[in-house]
Amino acid sequence: MFSVELDGGGVVGRGEAAPLEPYDGVPAAAVAEALAFYAELLRLTGLEGDEQFAKQMDKAEWPALKSRLTELFAQKTRDEWCGLMEATDVCFAPVLTMSEAAQHPHNVERHTFIDVAGTVQPAPAPRFSRTHAEVVSPPAHPGAHTREVFEAWGVDLAAIDAWAAAGAIRQAG
């Protein structure tokens, strides 16, 4: 899926992102809210000077523009779009898997991910200049504390047992 914001303040503007899919099916996202960013998106996609795309604020045009963008973005892979748009004013970024995110140069530079006992995970946030957060243990495995959490919330033990028996919740061994 390739995602370009299409419905809020123009074809590519405020609001929810609308999916567009490159031919490799690997996701990315672009937002061009301000006119200068929109102009840059059109330039980089070869749509600069296109009369239809000049009607950015005409809501009646949005379905047709979305359709054309869908066709356009299906012509390249996510990585090809990254090579074209990253580090521009289009506000473009690939949508990454957790393993890709941990290795992305932007995140590596900012130490966004940390390794705790062999588990790569997001670093604590927010970060303050004088107070440094610490992670003292790796994240719990799914189901590691299910029963304890429900009990702490005051959930009836019979209900917890019934949910577990039905497979609705899981308690690790």
C-alpha atoms as a PDB file:
ATOM      1  CA  MET A   1       0.000   0.000   0.000  1.00  0.00           C
ATOM      2  CA  PHE A   2       1.219   3.486  -0.765  1.00  0.00           C
ATOM      3  CA  SER A   3      -0.621   6.113   1.140  1.00  0.00           C
ATOM      4  CA  VAL A   4      -1.145   9.689   0.054  1.00  0.00           C
ATOM      5  CA  GLU A   5      -3.373  12.010   2.031  1.00  0.00           C
ATOM      6  CA  LEU A   6      -6.294  12.888  -0.195  1.00  0.00           C
ATOM      7  CA  ASP A   7      -9.300  14.179   1.639  1.00  0.00           C
ATOM      8  CA  GLY A   8      -9.377  17.093   3.997  1.00  0.00           C
ATOM      9  CA  GLY A   9      -7.798  20.246   2.683  1.00  0.00           C
ATOM     10  CA  GLY A  10      -7.252  19.263  -0.915  1.00  0.00           C
ATOM     11  CA  VAL A  11      -6.202  16.275  -2.965  1.00  0.00           C
ATOM     12  CA  VAL A  12      -3.152  15.877  -0.777  1.00  0.00           C
ATOM     13  CA  GLY A  13      -3.915  17.793   2.390  1.00  0.00           C
ATOM     14  CA  ARG A  14      -5.386  17.417   5.859  1.00  0.00           C
ATOM     15  CA  GLY A  15      -7.306  14.373   7.007  1.00  0.00           C
ATOM     16  CA  GLU A  16      -6.934  10.641   6.703  1.00  0.00           C
ATOM     17  CA  ALA A  17      -4.444   9.053   4.351  1.00  0.00           C
ATOM     18  CA  ALA A  18      -5.955   7.224   1.397  1.00  0.00           C
ATOM     19  CA  PRO A  19      -4.250   4.026   0.241  1.00  0.00           C
ATOM     20  CA  LEU A  20      -2.373   3.812  -3.034  1.00  0.00           C
ATOM     21  CA  GLU A  21      -0.442   0.676  -3.870  1.00  0.00           C
ATOM     22  CA  PRO A  22       2.933   0.426  -5.619  1.00  0.00           C
ATOM     23  CA  TYR A  23       3.428  -2.694  -7.678  1.00  0.00           C
ATOM     24  CA  ASP A  24       5.498  -4.365  -4.942  1.00  0.00           C
ATOM     25  CA  GLY A  25       2.737  -3.830  -2.361  1.00  0.00           C
ATOM     26  CA  VAL A  26       5.168  -2.427   0.238  1.00  0.00           C
ATOM     27  CA  PRO A  27       3.651   0.594   2.018  1.00  0.00           C
ATOM     28  CA  ALA A  28       4.730   4.210   2.245  1.00  0.00           C
ATOM     29  CA  ALA A  29       3.024   7.520   2.996  1.00  0.00           C
ATOM     30  CA  ALA A  30       3.182  11.025   1.616  1.00  0.00           C
ATOM     31  CA  VAL A  31       1.453  14.178   2.782  1.00  0.00           C
ATOM     32  CA  ALA A  32       1.598  17.475   0.938  1.00  0.00           C
ATOM     33  CA  GLU A  33      -0.571  19.781   3.009  1.00  0.00           C
ATOM     34  CA  ALA A  34       0.812  23.199   2.097  1.00  0.00           C
ATOM     35  CA  LEU A  35       0.740  24.467  -1.469  1.00  0.00           C
ATOM     36  CA  ALA A  36       4.552  24.408  -1.714  1.00  0.00           C
ATOM     37  CA  PHE A  37       4.600  20.749  -0.634  1.00  0.00           C
ATOM     38  CA  TYR A  38       1.853  19.902  -3.109  1.00  0.00           C
ATOM     39  CA  ALA A  39       3.797  21.637  -5.880  1.00  0.00           C
ATOM     40  CA  GLU A  40       6.867  19.575  -4.965  1.00  0.00           C
ATOM     41  CA  LEU A  41       4.802  16.364  -5.034  1.00  0.00           C
ATOM     42  CA  LEU A  42       3.539  17.255  -8.510  1.00  0.00           C
ATOM     43  CA  ARG A  43       7.068  18.060  -9.689  1.00  0.00           C
ATOM     44  CA  LEU A  44       8.509  14.794  -8.394  1.00  0.00           C
ATOM     45  CA  THR A  45       5.691  12.699  -9.830  1.00  0.00           C
ATOM     46  CA  GLY A  46       5.804  14.414 -13.232  1.00  0.00           C
ATOM     47  CA  LEU A  47       2.382  15.978 -12.725  1.00  0.00           C
ATOM     48  CA  GLU A  48       3.638  19.580 -12.587  1.00  0.00           C
ATOM     49  CA  GLY A  49       1.638  21.678 -15.035  1.00  0.00           C
ATOM     50  CA  ASP A  50      -1.167  19.101 -15.225  1.00  0.00           C
ATOM     51  CA  GLU A  51      -4.401  21.113 -15.525  1.00  0.00           C
ATOM     52  CA  GLN A  52      -6.453  18.586 -13.592  1.00  0.00           C
ATOM     53  CA  PHE A  53      -4.022  18.567 -10.636  1.00  0.00           C
ATOM     54  CA  ALA A  54      -4.051  22.382 -10.618  1.00  0.00           C
ATOM     55  CA  LYS A  55      -7.600  22.014  -9.226  1.00  0.00           C
ATOM     56  CA  GLN A  56      -6.287  20.815  -5.856  1.00  0.00           C
ATOM     57  CA  MET A  57      -9.062  22.453  -3.813  1.00  0.00           C
ATOM     58  CA  ASP A  58     -11.953  21.377  -6.049  1.00  0.00           C
ATOM     59  CA  LYS A  59     -13.575  18.533  -4.092  1.00  0.00           C
ATOM     60  CA  ALA A  60     -15.464  17.417  -7.190  1.00  0.00           C
ATOM     61  CA  GLU A  61     -12.094  16.571  -8.786  1.00  0.00           C
ATOM     62  CA  TRP A  62     -10.756  14.543  -5.867  1.00  0.00           C
ATOM     63  CA  PRO A  63     -12.069  11.108  -6.932  1.00  0.00           C
ATOM     64  CA  ALA A  64     -10.493  11.472 -10.386  1.00  0.00           C
ATOM     65  CA  LEU A  65      -7.242  12.820  -8.935  1.00  0.00           C
ATOM     66  CA  LYS A  66      -7.127   9.987  -6.419  1.00  0.00           C
ATOM     67  CA  SER A  67      -7.643   7.479  -9.231  1.00  0.00           C
ATOM     68  CA  ARG A  68      -4.811   9.008 -11.255  1.00  0.00           C
ATOM     69  CA  LEU A  69      -2.487   9.006  -8.238  1.00  0.00           C
ATOM     70  CA  THR A  70      -3.377   5.379  -7.571  1.00  0.00           C
ATOM     71  CA  GLU A  71      -2.385   4.475 -11.128  1.00  0.00           C
ATOM     72  CA  LEU A  72       0.773   6.574 -10.920  1.00  0.00           C
ATOM     73  CA  PHE A  73       2.035   5.137  -7.640  1.00  0.00           C
ATOM     74  CA  ALA A  74       1.428   1.598  -8.891  1.00  0.00           C
ATOM     75  CA  GLN A  75       4.184   2.144 -11.459  1.00  0.00           C
ATOM     76  CA  LYS A  76       7.070   2.116  -8.952  1.00  0.00           C
ATOM     77  CA  THR A  77       8.088   0.171  -5.861  1.00  0.00           C
ATOM     78  CA  ARG A  78       8.139   1.703  -2.400  1.00  0.00           C
ATOM     79  CA  ASP A  79      11.923   1.875  -2.550  1.00  0.00           C
ATOM     80  CA  GLU A  80      11.811   3.679  -5.898  1.00  0.00           C
ATOM     81  CA  TRP A  81       9.412   6.251  -4.404  1.00  0.00           C
ATOM     82  CA  CYS A  82      11.721   6.542  -1.387  1.00  0.00           C
ATOM     83  CA  GLY A  83      14.656   7.307  -3.650  1.00  0.00           C
ATOM     84  CA  LEU A  84      12.616   9.985  -5.370  1.00  0.00           C
ATOM     85  CA  MET A  85      10.853  11.615  -2.411  1.00  0.00           C
ATOM     86  CA  GLU A  86      12.701  11.061   0.857  1.00  0.00           C
ATOM     87  CA  ALA A  87      14.493  14.185   2.111  1.00  0.00           C
ATOM     88  CA  THR A  88      12.210  16.467   0.080  1.00  0.00           C
ATOM     89  CA  ASP A  89       9.426  18.819   1.181  1.00  0.00           C
ATOM     90  CA  VAL A  90       6.742  16.285   0.197  1.00  0.00           C
ATOM     91  CA  CYS A  91       6.684  14.977   3.797  1.00  0.00           C
ATOM     92  CA  PHE A  92       7.275  11.475   2.533  1.00  0.00           C
ATOM     93  CA  ALA A  93       8.236   8.422   4.570  1.00  0.00           C
ATOM     94  CA  PRO A  94       8.136   4.691   4.018  1.00  0.00           C
ATOM     95  CA  VAL A  95       5.846   2.712   6.295  1.00  0.00           C
ATOM     96  CA  LEU A  96       8.324   0.315   7.840  1.00  0.00           C
ATOM     97  CA  THR A  97       8.165  -3.026   9.575  1.00  0.00           C
ATOM     98  CA  MET A  98       9.619  -3.014  13.093  1.00  0.00           C
ATOM     99  CA  SER A  99      12.875  -4.547  11.858  1.00  0.00           C
ATOM    100  CA  GLU A 100      13.108  -2.019   9.000  1.00  0.00           C
ATOM    101  CA  ALA A 101      12.328   0.855  11.377  1.00  0.00           C
ATOM    102  CA  ALA A 102      15.136  -0.129  13.726  1.00  0.00           C
ATOM    103  CA  GLN A 103      17.597  -0.005  10.813  1.00  0.00           C
ATOM    104  CA  HIS A 104      16.311   3.127   9.045  1.00  0.00           C
ATOM    105  CA  PRO A 105      19.031   5.835   9.004  1.00  0.00           C
ATOM    106  CA  HIS A 106      16.676   8.441  10.503  1.00  0.00           C
ATOM    107  CA  ASN A 107      15.959   6.214  13.513  1.00  0.00           C
ATOM    108  CA  VAL A 108      19.560   5.012  13.878  1.00  0.00           C
ATOM    109  CA  GLU A 109      20.797   8.616  13.999  1.00  0.00           C
ATOM    110  CA  ARG A 110      18.291   9.469  16.737  1.00  0.00           C
ATOM    111  CA  HIS A 111      18.760   6.236  18.735  1.00  0.00           C
ATOM    112  CA  THR A 112      15.024   5.604  18.425  1.00  0.00           C
ATOM    113  CA  PHE A 113      15.394   1.879  19.096  1.00  0.00           C
ATOM    114  CA  ILE A 114      17.351   0.067  21.792  1.00  0.00           C
ATOM    115  CA  ASP A 115      18.349  -3.524  22.422  1.00  0.00           C
ATOM    116  CA  VAL A 116      17.377  -4.853  25.845  1.00  0.00           C
ATOM    117  CA  ALA A 117      18.467  -8.421  26.546  1.00  0.00           C
ATOM    118  CA  GLY A 118      18.383  -9.267  22.839  1.00  0.00           C
ATOM    119  CA  THR A 119      15.004  -7.652  22.184  1.00  0.00           C
ATOM    120  CA  VAL A 120      15.023  -4.602  19.898  1.00  0.00           C
ATOM    121  CA  GLN A 121      12.307  -2.194  20.983  1.00  0.00           C
ATOM    122  CA  PRO A 122      11.463   1.509  20.823  1.00  0.00           C
ATOM    123  CA  ALA A 123      13.488   3.614  23.234  1.00  0.00           C
ATOM    124  CA  PRO A 124      11.620   5.423  26.018  1.00  0.00           C
ATOM    125  CA  ALA A 125       9.958   8.674  25.036  1.00  0.00           C
ATOM    126  CA  PRO A 126       9.738  11.551  25.530  1.00  0.00           C
ATOM    127  CA  ARG A 127      13.408  12.328  26.031  1.00  0.00           C
ATOM    128  CA  PHE A 128      14.457  15.107  28.353  1.00  0.00           C
ATOM    129  CA  SER A 129      17.880  16.683  28.542  1.00  0.00           C
ATOM    130  CA  ARG A 130      18.275  16.222  32.317  1.00  0.00           C
ATOM    131  CA  THR A 131      16.143  13.166  33.024  1.00  0.00           C
ATOM    132  CA  HIS A 132      17.140   9.974  31.231  1.00  0.00           C
ATOM    133  CA  ALA A 133      14.659   7.123  31.106  1.00  0.00           C
ATOM    134  CA  GLU A 134      15.953   3.598  31.548  1.00  0.00           C
ATOM    135  CA  VAL A 135      14.616   0.264  30.412  1.00  0.00           C
ATOM    136  CA  VAL A 136      15.554  -2.357  32.982  1.00  0.00           C
ATOM    137  CA  SER A 137      14.003  -5.431  31.405  1.00  0.00           C
ATOM    138  CA  PRO A 138      12.785  -6.648  28.023  1.00  0.00           C
ATOM    139  CA  PRO A 139       9.070  -6.477  27.239  1.00  0.00           C
ATOM    140  CA  ALA A 140       6.852  -9.219  28.616  1.00  0.00           C
ATOM    141  CA  HIS A 141       5.790 -11.978  26.254  1.00  0.00           C
ATOM    142  CA  PRO A 142       2.116 -11.995  25.206  1.00  0.00           C
ATOM    143  CA  GLY A 143       0.073 -13.513  27.997  1.00  0.00           C
ATOM    144  CA  ALA A 144       2.834 -13.287  30.592  1.00  0.00           C
ATOM    145  CA  HIS A 145       0.718 -11.282  33.058  1.00  0.00           C
ATOM    146  CA  THR A 146      -2.834 -11.662  31.770  1.00  0.00           C
ATOM    147  CA  ARG A 147      -4.361 -13.162  34.921  1.00  0.00           C
ATOM    148  CA  GLU A 148      -2.494 -10.762  37.243  1.00  0.00           C
ATOM    149  CA  VAL A 149      -3.647  -7.718  35.279  1.00  0.00           C
ATOM    150  CA  PHE A 150      -7.306  -8.749  35.225  1.00  0.00           C
ATOM    151  CA  GLU A 151      -7.176  -9.582  38.937  1.00  0.00           C
ATOM    152  CA  ALA A 152      -5.609  -6.177  39.693  1.00  0.00           C
ATOM    153  CA  TRP A 153      -8.478  -4.553  37.801  1.00  0.00           C
ATOM    154  CA  GLY A 154     -10.955  -6.400  40.004  1.00  0.00           C
ATOM    155  CA  VAL A 155     -12.290  -8.766  37.321  1.00  0.00           C
ATOM    156  CA  ASP A 156     -14.103 -11.774  38.762  1.00  0.00           C
ATOM    157  CA  LEU A 157     -11.902 -14.919  38.771  1.00  0.00           C
ATOM    158  CA  ALA A 158     -14.693 -17.012  37.225  1.00  0.00           C
ATOM    159  CA  ALA A 159     -14.892 -14.565  34.312  1.00  0.00           C
ATOM    160  CA  ILE A 160     -11.123 -14.754  33.794  1.00  0.00           C
ATOM    161  CA  ASP A 161     -11.282 -18.558  33.799  1.00  0.00           C
ATOM    162  CA  ALA A 162     -14.199 -18.540  31.337  1.00  0.00           C
ATOM    163  CA  TRP A 163     -12.370 -16.176  28.962  1.00  0.00           C
ATOM    164  CA  ALA A 164      -9.242 -18.339  29.112  1.00  0.00           C
ATOM    165  CA  ALA A 165     -11.258 -21.523  28.470  1.00  0.00           C
ATOM    166  CA  ALA A 166     -12.923 -19.870  25.465  1.00  0.00           C
ATOM    167  CA  GLY A 167      -9.560 -18.759  24.072  1.00  0.00           C
ATOM    168  CA  ALA A 168     -10.450 -15.078  24.391  1.00  0.00           C
ATOM    169  CA  ILE A 169      -7.400 -14.448  26.589  1.00  0.00           C
ATOM    170  CA  ARG A 170      -4.137 -16.251  27.012  1.00  0.00           C
ATOM    171  CA  GLN A 171      -1.952 -16.814  30.054  1.00  0.00           C
ATOM    172  CA  ALA A 172       1.603 -17.859  29.265  1.00  0.00           C
ATOM    173  CA  GLY A 173       2.871 -21.005  30.955  1.00  0.00           C
END
